[in-house]
Amino acid sequence: MNKIDGGYAFPTINESSVHGCSSLDYLDGMSLRDYFAGQALAGLLTLSAHPQAPKTPDLVKICVETADALIEELNK
């Protein structure tokens, strides 16, 4: 990924053996940015019944901006 995304949220290690040599491979998963955005969305959706709650396009933007802000803070 060409944007700083915080790395993988839940990386897993896969030990494989080929011709008697073992190696560890890190399996891809969702990025930390994706995870943070999803968590922000879950929280904001609890407010969706409120008349002043953000509408769907605004929710998406808020979630991504929140995820980026969290990663930026973690990188300090």
Protein backbone atom coordinates (compact mmCIF):
# COMPACT_ATOMS: atom_id res chain seq x y z
CA MET A 1 0.00 0.00 0.00
CA ASN A 2 1.42 3.36 -0.90
CA LYS A 3 -0.22 5.24 1.97
CA ILE A 4 0.93 4.87 5.54
CA ASP A 5 -1.68 2.46 6.83
CA GLY A 6 -0.24 1.38 10.15
CA GLY A 7 0.67 -2.11 8.96
CA TYR A 8 -1.54 -5.12 9.43
CA ALA A 9 -4.18 -5.14 12.16
CA PHE A 10 -4.07 -8.89 12.82
CA PRO A 11 -1.01 -10.40 11.15
CA THR A 12 -0.58 -14.13 11.45
CA ILE A 13 2.51 -16.25 11.06
CA ASN A 14 2.47 -19.27 8.81
CA GLU A 15 5.31 -21.73 9.25
CA SER A 16 6.02 -23.61 6.06
CA SER A 17 8.54 -26.24 5.19
CA VAL A 18 9.91 -26.82 1.71
CA HIS A 19 12.61 -29.43 1.06
CA GLY A 20 13.41 -29.65 4.77
CA CYS A 21 13.88 -25.91 5.21
CA SER A 22 11.35 -24.11 7.31
CA SER A 23 10.41 -20.48 6.93
CA LEU A 24 8.01 -18.07 8.52
CA ASP A 25 5.64 -16.10 6.34
CA TYR A 26 3.53 -13.22 7.58
CA LEU A 27 0.07 -13.48 6.09
CA ASP A 28 -1.61 -10.33 4.93
CA GLY A 29 -4.76 -9.13 6.56
CA MET A 30 -6.66 -5.91 6.85
CA SER A 31 -4.59 -2.83 7.49
CA LEU A 32 -4.70 -1.05 10.81
CA ARG A 33 -6.23 1.89 8.92
CA ASP A 34 -9.09 -0.32 7.69
CA TYR A 35 -9.63 -1.66 11.21
CA PHE A 36 -9.70 1.83 12.75
CA ALA A 37 -12.12 3.07 10.08
CA GLY A 38 -14.42 0.10 10.71
CA GLN A 39 -14.36 0.72 14.45
CA ALA A 40 -15.16 4.40 13.90
CA LEU A 41 -18.05 3.42 11.63
CA ALA A 42 -19.44 1.01 14.24
CA GLY A 43 -19.36 3.75 16.85
CA LEU A 44 -20.92 6.37 14.59
CA LEU A 45 -23.69 4.02 13.47
CA THR A 46 -24.92 3.88 17.05
CA LEU A 47 -25.81 7.54 16.55
CA SER A 48 -27.53 6.97 13.20
CA ALA A 49 -31.04 7.21 14.67
CA HIS A 50 -30.29 10.69 15.99
CA PRO A 51 -31.77 13.40 13.73
CA GLN A 52 -28.47 15.31 13.59
CA ALA A 53 -26.35 12.24 12.82
CA PRO A 54 -24.08 12.51 9.78
CA LYS A 55 -25.43 11.07 6.53
CA THR A 56 -23.74 8.10 4.84
CA PRO A 57 -21.23 9.97 2.59
CA ASP A 58 -20.19 12.08 5.56
CA LEU A 59 -19.86 8.99 7.76
CA VAL A 60 -17.40 7.44 5.34
CA LYS A 61 -15.28 10.58 5.23
CA ILE A 62 -15.34 10.94 9.02
CA CYS A 63 -14.31 7.30 9.51
CA VAL A 64 -11.35 7.50 7.13
CA GLU A 65 -10.22 10.83 8.59
CA THR A 66 -10.47 9.35 12.10
CA ALA A 67 -8.41 6.31 11.08
CA ASP A 68 -5.75 8.54 9.48
CA ALA A 69 -5.62 10.75 12.59
CA LEU A 70 -5.17 7.71 14.84
CA ILE A 71 -2.33 6.36 12.71
CA GLU A 72 -0.68 9.78 12.54
CA GLU A 73 -0.81 10.02 16.34
CA LEU A 74 0.63 6.51 16.72
CA ASN A 75 3.53 7.41 14.40
CA LYS A 76 4.64 10.35 16.56
